[in-house]
C-alpha atoms as a PDB file:
ATOM      1  CA  UNK A   1     -73.976 192.296  43.695  1.00  0.00           C
ATOM      2  CA  UNK A   2     -75.270 195.645  42.812  1.00  0.00           C
ATOM      3  CA  UNK A   3     -72.192 197.045  44.545  1.00  0.00           C
ATOM      4  CA  UNK A   4     -70.111 195.144  42.626  1.00  0.00           C
ATOM      5  CA  UNK A   5     -71.749 195.861  39.335  1.00  0.00           C
ATOM      6  CA  UNK A   6     -71.664 199.504  40.256  1.00  0.00           C
ATOM      7  CA  UNK A   7     -67.852 199.248  40.920  1.00  0.00           C
ATOM      8  CA  UNK A   8     -67.405 197.548  37.518  1.00  0.00           C
ATOM      9  CA  UNK A   9     -69.154 200.321  35.652  1.00  0.00           C
ATOM     10  CA  UNK A  10     -67.217 203.277  37.519  1.00  0.00           C
ATOM     11  CA  UNK A  11     -63.826 201.391  37.133  1.00  0.00           C
ATOM     12  CA  UNK A  12     -64.673 201.010  33.289  1.00  0.00           C
ATOM     13  CA  UNK A  13     -65.403 204.742  33.394  1.00  0.00           C
ATOM     14  CA  UNK A  14     -62.246 205.869  35.092  1.00  0.00           C
ATOM     15  CA  UNK A  15     -60.102 203.560  33.030  1.00  0.00           C
ATOM     16  CA  UNK A  16     -61.671 205.075  29.834  1.00  0.00           C
ATOM     17  CA  UNK A  17     -61.247 208.421  31.168  1.00  0.00           C
ATOM     18  CA  UNK A  18     -57.329 208.012  31.778  1.00  0.00           C
ATOM     19  CA  UNK A  19     -57.247 206.194  27.925  1.00  0.00           C
ATOM     20  CA  UNK A  20     -59.056 209.126  26.421  1.00  0.00           C
ATOM     21  CA  UNK A  21     -56.609 211.667  28.273  1.00  0.00           C
ATOM     22  CA  UNK A  22     -53.661 210.385  26.112  1.00  0.00           C
ATOM     23  CA  UNK A  23     -55.585 211.235  22.932  1.00  0.00           C
ATOM     24  CA  UNK A  24     -54.928 209.266  19.574  1.00  0.00           C
ATOM     25  CA  UNK A  25     -51.515 208.411  20.305  1.00  0.00           C
ATOM     26  CA  UNK A  26     -52.012 206.501  23.525  1.00  0.00           C
ATOM     27  CA  UNK A  27     -52.805 202.875  23.743  1.00  0.00           C
ATOM     28  CA  UNK A  28     -55.847 201.088  24.771  1.00  0.00           C
ATOM     29  CA  UNK A  29     -55.919 200.536  28.395  1.00  0.00           C
ATOM     30  CA  UNK A  30     -59.505 199.042  29.294  1.00  0.00           C
ATOM     31  CA  UNK A  31     -59.820 195.073  29.598  1.00  0.00           C
ATOM     32  CA  UNK A  32     -61.786 192.705  31.640  1.00  0.00           C
ATOM     33  CA  UNK A  33     -60.167 192.156  34.921  1.00  0.00           C
ATOM     34  CA  UNK A  34     -58.178 195.310  35.084  1.00  0.00           C
ATOM     35  CA  UNK A  35     -58.872 198.011  38.042  1.00  0.00           C
ATOM     36  CA  UNK A  36     -57.591 201.294  38.240  1.00  0.00           C
ATOM     37  CA  UNK A  37     -56.113 201.202  41.846  1.00  0.00           C
ATOM     38  CA  UNK A  38     -54.572 204.911  42.105  1.00  0.00           C
ATOM     39  CA  UNK A  39     -53.433 207.836  40.311  1.00  0.00           C
ATOM     40  CA  UNK A  40     -51.615 211.057  41.063  1.00  0.00           C
ATOM     41  CA  UNK A  41     -48.437 213.215  40.062  1.00  0.00           C
ATOM     42  CA  UNK A  42     -45.015 212.355  40.762  1.00  0.00           C
ATOM     43  CA  UNK A  43     -41.563 213.976  40.105  1.00  0.00           C
ATOM     44  CA  UNK A  44     -39.536 211.799  37.705  1.00  0.00           C
ATOM     45  CA  UNK A  45     -36.023 212.205  37.539  1.00  0.00           C
ATOM     46  CA  UNK A  46     -35.075 212.698  33.654  1.00  0.00           C
ATOM     47  CA  UNK A  47     -31.517 213.332  32.108  1.00  0.00           C
ATOM     48  CA  UNK A  48     -32.130 217.204  32.327  1.00  0.00           C
ATOM     49  CA  UNK A  49     -33.714 217.254  35.852  1.00  0.00           C
ATOM     50  CA  UNK A  50     -36.721 216.431  37.659  1.00  0.00           C
ATOM     51  CA  UNK A  51     -40.199 216.443  35.871  1.00  0.00           C
ATOM     52  CA  UNK A  52     -43.680 216.264  36.921  1.00  0.00           C
ATOM     53  CA  UNK A  53     -45.504 212.998  35.426  1.00  0.00           C
ATOM     54  CA  UNK A  54     -49.083 211.693  35.922  1.00  0.00           C
ATOM     55  CA  UNK A  55     -49.137 208.246  37.249  1.00  0.00           C
ATOM     56  CA  UNK A  56     -51.750 205.678  37.019  1.00  0.00           C
ATOM     57  CA  UNK A  57     -51.378 202.342  39.213  1.00  0.00           C
ATOM     58  CA  UNK A  58     -53.609 199.282  37.856  1.00  0.00           C
ATOM     59  CA  UNK A  59     -53.552 195.932  39.391  1.00  0.00           C
ATOM     60  CA  UNK A  60     -51.470 194.699  36.469  1.00  0.00           C
ATOM     61  CA  UNK A  61     -49.553 197.697  35.145  1.00  0.00           C
ATOM     62  CA  UNK A  62     -48.108 201.246  35.861  1.00  0.00           C
ATOM     63  CA  UNK A  63     -48.888 203.969  33.421  1.00  0.00           C
ATOM     64  CA  UNK A  64     -47.574 207.222  33.267  1.00  0.00           C
ATOM     65  CA  UNK A  65     -47.129 210.272  30.831  1.00  0.00           C
ATOM     66  CA  UNK A  66     -46.316 213.726  30.410  1.00  0.00           C
ATOM     67  CA  UNK A  67     -48.751 216.630  31.997  1.00  0.00           C
ATOM     68  CA  UNK A  68     -50.151 219.006  29.452  1.00  0.00           C
ATOM     69  CA  UNK A  69     -52.896 221.687  29.340  1.00  0.00           C
ATOM     70  CA  UNK A  70     -53.040 221.944  33.288  1.00  0.00           C
ATOM     71  CA  UNK A  71     -53.222 218.398  33.506  1.00  0.00           C
ATOM     72  CA  UNK A  72     -56.325 217.633  31.498  1.00  0.00           C
ATOM     73  CA  UNK A  73     -54.461 215.895  28.770  1.00  0.00           C
ATOM     74  CA  UNK A  74     -51.503 213.956  28.714  1.00  0.00           C
ATOM     75  CA  UNK A  75     -48.846 212.582  26.063  1.00  0.00           C
ATOM     76  CA  UNK A  76     -45.717 210.340  25.694  1.00  0.00           C
ATOM     77  CA  UNK A  77     -47.478 207.254  27.376  1.00  0.00           C
ATOM     78  CA  UNK A  78     -45.600 204.951  28.861  1.00  0.00           C
ATOM     79  CA  UNK A  79     -46.798 201.347  30.005  1.00  0.00           C
ATOM     80  CA  UNK A  80     -44.848 199.102  32.573  1.00  0.00           C
ATOM     81  CA  UNK A  81     -46.048 195.643  33.430  1.00  0.00           C
ATOM     82  CA  UNK A  82     -45.980 195.013  37.256  1.00  0.00           C
ATOM     83  CA  UNK A  83     -44.222 191.725  36.965  1.00  0.00           C
ATOM     84  CA  UNK A  84     -41.300 193.770  35.475  1.00  0.00           C
ATOM     85  CA  UNK A  85     -40.883 196.364  38.111  1.00  0.00           C
ATOM     86  CA  UNK A  86     -38.588 196.314  41.265  1.00  0.00           C
ATOM     87  CA  UNK A  87     -38.793 198.982  43.910  1.00  0.00           C
ATOM     88  CA  UNK A  88     -35.868 200.409  46.123  1.00  0.00           C
ATOM     89  CA  UNK A  89     -36.265 202.681  48.822  1.00  0.00           C
ATOM     90  CA  UNK A  90     -33.941 205.867  48.545  1.00  0.00           C
ATOM     91  CA  UNK A  91     -32.787 208.587  51.040  1.00  0.00           C
ATOM     92  CA  UNK A  92     -33.618 212.095  50.103  1.00  0.00           C
ATOM     93  CA  UNK A  93     -31.716 213.664  47.244  1.00  0.00           C
ATOM     94  CA  UNK A  94     -30.367 217.258  46.471  1.00  0.00           C
ATOM     95  CA  UNK A  95     -33.130 217.930  44.139  1.00  0.00           C
ATOM     96  CA  UNK A  96     -36.078 215.250  45.297  1.00  0.00           C
ATOM     97  CA  UNK A  97     -37.270 214.440  48.507  1.00  0.00           C
ATOM     98  CA  UNK A  98     -39.280 211.297  49.130  1.00  0.00           C
ATOM     99  CA  UNK A  99     -37.959 209.560  46.239  1.00  0.00           C
ATOM    100  CA  UNK A 100     -37.477 205.733  45.153  1.00  0.00           C
ATOM    101  CA  UNK A 101     -36.308 204.037  42.459  1.00  0.00           C
ATOM    102  CA  UNK A 102     -38.297 202.254  39.942  1.00  0.00           C
ATOM    103  CA  UNK A 103     -36.147 199.281  38.097  1.00  0.00           C
ATOM    104  CA  UNK A 104     -37.778 197.850  34.729  1.00  0.00           C
ATOM    105  CA  UNK A 105     -35.615 195.798  31.995  1.00  0.00           C
ATOM    106  CA  UNK A 106     -35.757 198.757  29.542  1.00  0.00           C
ATOM    107  CA  UNK A 107     -35.747 201.792  31.924  1.00  0.00           C
ATOM    108  CA  UNK A 108     -34.772 202.596  35.725  1.00  0.00           C
ATOM    109  CA  UNK A 109     -35.504 205.962  37.013  1.00  0.00           C
ATOM    110  CA  UNK A 110     -36.232 207.815  40.254  1.00  0.00           C
ATOM    111  CA  UNK A 111     -39.518 209.149  41.280  1.00  0.00           C
ATOM    112  CA  UNK A 112     -40.676 211.552  44.201  1.00  0.00           C
ATOM    113  CA  UNK A 113     -43.926 212.047  45.938  1.00  0.00           C
ATOM    114  CA  UNK A 114     -45.187 215.055  47.764  1.00  0.00           C
ATOM    115  CA  UNK A 115     -44.891 213.573  51.041  1.00  0.00           C
ATOM    116  CA  UNK A 116     -43.397 210.469  52.974  1.00  0.00           C
ATOM    117  CA  UNK A 117     -47.052 209.134  53.721  1.00  0.00           C
ATOM    118  CA  UNK A 118     -47.843 209.345  49.762  1.00  0.00           C
ATOM    119  CA  UNK A 119     -44.293 207.703  48.846  1.00  0.00           C
ATOM    120  CA  UNK A 120     -45.254 204.664  51.145  1.00  0.00           C
ATOM    121  CA  UNK A 121     -48.908 204.546  49.851  1.00  0.00           C
ATOM    122  CA  UNK A 122     -47.296 204.376  46.414  1.00  0.00           C
ATOM    123  CA  UNK A 123     -44.669 201.825  47.200  1.00  0.00           C
ATOM    124  CA  UNK A 124     -46.837 199.434  49.119  1.00  0.00           C
ATOM    125  CA  UNK A 125     -49.815 199.634  46.630  1.00  0.00           C
ATOM    126  CA  UNK A 126     -47.259 198.886  43.702  1.00  0.00           C
ATOM    127  CA  UNK A 127     -45.714 195.942  45.734  1.00  0.00           C
ATOM    128  CA  UNK A 128     -49.061 194.481  46.810  1.00  0.00           C
ATOM    129  CA  UNK A 129     -50.558 194.600  43.377  1.00  0.00           C
ATOM    130  CA  UNK A 130     -47.216 193.214  41.920  1.00  0.00           C
ATOM    131  CA  UNK A 131     -47.205 190.303  44.555  1.00  0.00           C
ATOM    132  CA  UNK A 132     -51.123 189.585  43.818  1.00  0.00           C
ATOM    133  CA  UNK A 133     -50.371 189.551  40.022  1.00  0.00           C
ATOM    134  CA  UNK A 134     -47.218 187.055  40.362  1.00  0.00           C
ATOM    135  CA  UNK A 135     -49.269 184.634  42.607  1.00  0.00           C
ATOM    136  CA  UNK A 136     -52.627 184.778  40.686  1.00  0.00           C
ATOM    137  CA  UNK A 137     -51.254 184.498  37.116  1.00  0.00           C
ATOM    138  CA  UNK A 138     -48.002 182.262  37.685  1.00  0.00           C
ATOM    139  CA  UNK A 139     -45.950 184.888  35.709  1.00  0.00           C
ATOM    140  CA  UNK A 140     -42.058 185.069  36.272  1.00  0.00           C
ATOM    141  CA  UNK A 141     -40.807 188.205  37.548  1.00  0.00           C
ATOM    142  CA  UNK A 142     -37.896 190.051  35.743  1.00  0.00           C
ATOM    143  CA  UNK A 143     -34.180 189.353  36.878  1.00  0.00           C
ATOM    144  CA  UNK A 144     -32.625 191.770  34.311  1.00  0.00           C
ATOM    145  CA  UNK A 145     -32.899 195.663  34.803  1.00  0.00           C
ATOM    146  CA  UNK A 146     -31.758 198.798  33.015  1.00  0.00           C
ATOM    147  CA  UNK A 147     -29.053 200.980  34.761  1.00  0.00           C
ATOM    148  CA  UNK A 148     -30.086 204.451  35.928  1.00  0.00           C
ATOM    149  CA  UNK A 149     -28.568 207.348  33.810  1.00  0.00           C
ATOM    150  CA  UNK A 150     -26.710 210.038  35.712  1.00  0.00           C
ATOM    151  CA  UNK A 151     -28.530 213.345  34.918  1.00  0.00           C
ATOM    152  CA  UNK A 152     -26.786 215.535  32.364  1.00  0.00           C
ATOM    153  CA  UNK A 153     -26.294 218.289  35.280  1.00  0.00           C
ATOM    154  CA  UNK A 154     -24.285 216.040  37.650  1.00  0.00           C
ATOM    155  CA  UNK A 155     -21.120 216.322  35.289  1.00  0.00           C
ATOM    156  CA  UNK A 156     -19.438 219.269  33.432  1.00  0.00           C
ATOM    157  CA  UNK A 157     -16.756 216.664  31.685  1.00  0.00           C
ATOM    158  CA  UNK A 158     -16.841 213.387  29.934  1.00  0.00           C
ATOM    159  CA  UNK A 159     -16.804 210.907  32.489  1.00  0.00           C
ATOM    160  CA  UNK A 160     -14.186 208.449  31.008  1.00  0.00           C
ATOM    161  CA  UNK A 161     -11.726 211.156  29.096  1.00  0.00           C
ATOM    162  CA  UNK A 162     -12.483 214.224  31.314  1.00  0.00           C
ATOM    163  CA  UNK A 163     -13.047 216.350  28.408  1.00  0.00           C
ATOM    164  CA  UNK A 164     -15.203 219.602  29.193  1.00  0.00           C
ATOM    165  CA  UNK A 165     -18.853 219.532  27.291  1.00  0.00           C
ATOM    166  CA  UNK A 166     -19.672 222.527  25.234  1.00  0.00           C
ATOM    167  CA  UNK A 167     -22.243 223.295  22.396  1.00  0.00           C
ATOM    168  CA  UNK A 168     -20.124 221.042  20.239  1.00  0.00           C
ATOM    169  CA  UNK A 169     -18.594 218.688  22.563  1.00  0.00           C
ATOM    170  CA  UNK A 170     -22.051 217.103  23.460  1.00  0.00           C
ATOM    171  CA  UNK A 171     -23.369 214.944  26.260  1.00  0.00           C
ATOM    172  CA  UNK A 172     -24.299 211.466  25.510  1.00  0.00           C
ATOM    173  CA  UNK A 173     -25.040 208.343  28.067  1.00  0.00           C
ATOM    174  CA  UNK A 174     -23.677 204.797  27.941  1.00  0.00           C
ATOM    175  CA  UNK A 175     -26.648 202.229  27.991  1.00  0.00           C
ATOM    176  CA  UNK A 176     -24.628 200.024  29.878  1.00  0.00           C
ATOM    177  CA  UNK A 177     -23.187 201.948  32.856  1.00  0.00           C
ATOM    178  CA  UNK A 178     -25.316 205.037  32.693  1.00  0.00           C
ATOM    179  CA  UNK A 179     -22.294 207.391  32.724  1.00  0.00           C
ATOM    180  CA  UNK A 180     -22.193 210.830  30.900  1.00  0.00           C
ATOM    181  CA  UNK A 181     -19.869 210.650  28.153  1.00  0.00           C
ATOM    182  CA  UNK A 182     -18.787 212.484  24.902  1.00  0.00           C
ATOM    183  CA  UNK A 183     -19.259 210.975  21.431  1.00  0.00           C
ATOM    184  CA  UNK A 184     -15.638 210.103  21.066  1.00  0.00           C
ATOM    185  CA  UNK A 185     -15.886 207.935  24.198  1.00  0.00           C
ATOM    186  CA  UNK A 186     -19.068 206.279  23.233  1.00  0.00           C
ATOM    187  CA  UNK A 187     -18.804 205.509  19.328  1.00  0.00           C
ATOM    188  CA  UNK A 188     -19.312 201.685  19.956  1.00  0.00           C
ATOM    189  CA  UNK A 189     -22.634 199.870  19.676  1.00  0.00           C
ATOM    190  CA  UNK A 190     -23.794 196.591  21.139  1.00  0.00           C
ATOM    191  CA  UNK A 191     -27.060 194.647  21.536  1.00  0.00           C
ATOM    192  CA  UNK A 192     -28.371 195.043  24.846  1.00  0.00           C
ATOM    193  CA  UNK A 193     -31.593 192.965  24.405  1.00  0.00           C
ATOM    194  CA  UNK A 194     -33.275 193.757  27.576  1.00  0.00           C
ATOM    195  CA  UNK A 195     -33.591 197.448  26.546  1.00  0.00           C
ATOM    196  CA  UNK A 196     -33.826 196.919  22.765  1.00  0.00           C
ATOM    197  CA  UNK A 197     -33.809 193.880  20.684  1.00  0.00           C
ATOM    198  CA  UNK A 198     -33.821 195.652  17.218  1.00  0.00           C
ATOM    199  CA  UNK A 199     -30.958 197.875  17.297  1.00  0.00           C
ATOM    200  CA  UNK A 200     -27.441 198.030  18.713  1.00  0.00           C
ATOM    201  CA  UNK A 201     -27.110 200.826  21.544  1.00  0.00           C
ATOM    202  CA  UNK A 202     -24.552 203.305  22.477  1.00  0.00           C
ATOM    203  CA  UNK A 203     -21.820 202.171  25.118  1.00  0.00           C
ATOM    204  CA  UNK A 204     -18.736 203.729  26.321  1.00  0.00           C
ATOM    205  CA  UNK A 205     -15.379 202.429  25.466  1.00  0.00           C
ATOM    206  CA  UNK A 206     -14.822 200.681  28.711  1.00  0.00           C
ATOM    207  CA  UNK A 207     -18.216 198.932  28.853  1.00  0.00           C
ATOM    208  CA  UNK A 208     -17.612 197.929  25.292  1.00  0.00           C
ATOM    209  CA  UNK A 209     -14.384 196.135  26.009  1.00  0.00           C
ATOM    210  CA  UNK A 210     -15.612 194.567  28.978  1.00  0.00           C
ATOM    211  CA  UNK A 211     -18.738 193.430  26.877  1.00  0.00           C
ATOM    212  CA  UNK A 212     -16.599 192.069  24.210  1.00  0.00           C
ATOM    213  CA  UNK A 213     -14.275 189.959  26.638  1.00  0.00           C
ATOM    214  CA  UNK A 214     -17.622 188.608  28.094  1.00  0.00           C
ATOM    215  CA  UNK A 215     -18.610 187.813  24.327  1.00  0.00           C
ATOM    216  CA  UNK A 216     -15.341 185.956  23.745  1.00  0.00           C
ATOM    217  CA  UNK A 217     -15.746 183.748  26.881  1.00  0.00           C
ATOM    218  CA  UNK A 218     -19.317 182.624  25.935  1.00  0.00           C
ATOM    219  CA  UNK A 219     -18.232 182.092  22.214  1.00  0.00           C
ATOM    220  CA  UNK A 220     -15.631 179.704  23.516  1.00  0.00           C
ATOM    221  CA  UNK A 221     -18.210 177.283  25.056  1.00  0.00           C
ATOM    222  CA  UNK A 222     -19.090 173.667  24.197  1.00  0.00           C
ATOM    223  CA  UNK A 223     -21.843 174.776  22.103  1.00  0.00           C
ATOM    224  CA  UNK A 224     -20.212 177.314  20.038  1.00  0.00           C
ATOM    225  CA  UNK A 225     -22.940 179.854  20.434  1.00  0.00           C
ATOM    226  CA  UNK A 226     -22.194 183.511  21.191  1.00  0.00           C
ATOM    227  CA  UNK A 227     -23.358 184.694  24.596  1.00  0.00           C
ATOM    228  CA  UNK A 228     -25.463 187.473  25.883  1.00  0.00           C
ATOM    229  CA  UNK A 229     -24.735 190.781  27.529  1.00  0.00           C
ATOM    230  CA  UNK A 230     -27.828 190.566  29.592  1.00  0.00           C
ATOM    231  CA  UNK A 231     -26.017 189.657  32.819  1.00  0.00           C
ATOM    232  CA  UNK A 232     -23.344 192.558  32.594  1.00  0.00           C
ATOM    233  CA  UNK A 233     -26.310 194.956  31.624  1.00  0.00           C
ATOM    234  CA  UNK A 234     -27.747 194.340  34.862  1.00  0.00           C
ATOM    235  CA  UNK A 235     -24.883 195.652  36.785  1.00  0.00           C
ATOM    236  CA  UNK A 236     -26.282 198.295  39.566  1.00  0.00           C
ATOM    237  CA  UNK A 237     -24.115 201.197  38.511  1.00  0.00           C
ATOM    238  CA  UNK A 238     -25.912 204.359  38.215  1.00  0.00           C
ATOM    239  CA  UNK A 239     -31.797 206.928  34.078  1.00  0.00           C
ATOM    240  CA  UNK A 240     -33.672 205.697  31.267  1.00  0.00           C
ATOM    241  CA  UNK A 241     -33.580 203.665  28.293  1.00  0.00           C
ATOM    242  CA  UNK A 242     -32.201 204.104  24.801  1.00  0.00           C
ATOM    243  CA  UNK A 243     -34.738 206.618  24.100  1.00  0.00           C
ATOM    244  CA  UNK A 244     -33.997 210.179  25.291  1.00  0.00           C
ATOM    245  CA  UNK A 245     -37.057 212.176  26.538  1.00  0.00           C
ATOM    246  CA  UNK A 246     -37.475 215.732  25.489  1.00  0.00           C
ATOM    247  CA  UNK A 247     -37.750 218.675  27.309  1.00  0.00           C
ATOM    248  CA  UNK A 248     -41.297 219.403  28.721  1.00  0.00           C
ATOM    249  CA  UNK A 249     -43.019 222.541  27.609  1.00  0.00           C
ATOM    250  CA  UNK A 250     -43.452 223.929  31.029  1.00  0.00           C
ATOM    251  CA  UNK A 251     -40.909 224.912  33.866  1.00  0.00           C
ATOM    252  CA  UNK A 252     -40.232 222.272  36.474  1.00  0.00           C
ATOM    253  CA  UNK A 253     -38.781 224.447  38.758  1.00  0.00           C
ATOM    254  CA  UNK A 254     -42.444 224.902  40.225  1.00  0.00           C
ATOM    255  CA  UNK A 255     -42.577 221.470  41.186  1.00  0.00           C
ATOM    256  CA  UNK A 256     -39.225 221.321  43.125  1.00  0.00           C
ATOM    257  CA  UNK A 257     -40.331 224.180  45.627  1.00  0.00           C
ATOM    258  CA  UNK A 258     -41.873 223.006  49.047  1.00  0.00           C
ATOM    259  CA  UNK A 259     -45.211 224.534  47.826  1.00  0.00           C
ATOM    260  CA  UNK A 260     -46.698 221.121  47.268  1.00  0.00           C
ATOM    261  CA  UNK A 261     -50.725 222.203  47.263  1.00  0.00           C
ATOM    262  CA  UNK A 262     -50.903 221.689  43.691  1.00  0.00           C
ATOM    263  CA  UNK A 263     -49.944 218.219  43.514  1.00  0.00           C
ATOM    264  CA  UNK A 264     -52.792 215.484  42.751  1.00  0.00           C
ATOM    265  CA  UNK A 265     -53.576 213.345  45.950  1.00  0.00           C
ATOM    266  CA  UNK A 266     -53.121 209.631  45.993  1.00  0.00           C
ATOM    267  CA  UNK A 267     -56.088 207.749  45.596  1.00  0.00           C
ATOM    268  CA  UNK A 268     -56.624 204.172  46.602  1.00  0.00           C
ATOM    269  CA  UNK A 269     -59.723 202.937  44.999  1.00  0.00           C
ATOM    270  CA  UNK A 270     -61.385 200.015  46.749  1.00  0.00           C
ATOM    271  CA  UNK A 271     -58.350 197.527  47.173  1.00  0.00           C
ATOM    272  CA  UNK A 272     -60.862 194.576  47.865  1.00  0.00           C
ATOM    273  CA  UNK A 273     -62.129 194.816  44.395  1.00  0.00           C
ATOM    274  CA  UNK A 274     -59.093 193.570  42.773  1.00  0.00           C
ATOM    275  CA  UNK A 275     -61.147 191.332  40.363  1.00  0.00           C
ATOM    276  CA  UNK A 276     -64.314 192.982  39.549  1.00  0.00           C
ATOM    277  CA  UNK A 277     -66.938 190.856  37.638  1.00  0.00           C
ATOM    278  CA  UNK A 278     -67.525 191.636  33.888  1.00  0.00           C
ATOM    279  CA  UNK A 279     -70.709 189.858  33.447  1.00  0.00           C
END
């Protein structure tokens, strides 16, 4: 009983420390029954290339954010419920080794660990926590996921009209297929409710045509109601959601080199205490 109480207090202090590291802009993280399982740094593929991020795994959610002030503080807090996560193992890429894909309804992105062992630890613990959450809380797993964006550096031309990008002819991303496209090829907007239910999002001409055809088929149904784009939006094409992430204040190149000594190790905190006593 004393060990359980000690763990409960230590767990609360750890969660509050993570909460404080995001400052006033972060959301409250502590609540009864929530356990901080592990934490560490991973490379996250953004539209402008790999960026180091601080990740925190809880027994019911995954939290990550940008690293500032040598890792003492964080910003741009993102919270993902574990029932909304689907993992896919990936082979090593050109810019990231030990990588895997994290799919969610609003955002799908690649992350990479410092070693194969750390990658396995992250994936196994995320899957274990997710499985326990779905069983214990009778929650439903998500079936619709956002596509991953093709990084800006992957194409010097629009992937629809082949026009060359320049300072004035800028890159954009179709939220439906993830392709890098120009403004002329992505002027249309549609509602993709699993990503953002409050506003229409940018899509390329080809996806817009396909979505409109699907809507027409749905609207011709017996109930006369317009259909949803959810099914098409989950197509496994090739990061991110409708919100584009800004460049980090530090150069990411030092995280891409083989020198991994500065990476934070993955820490697994007492797996047997998945639901500590709170009284």
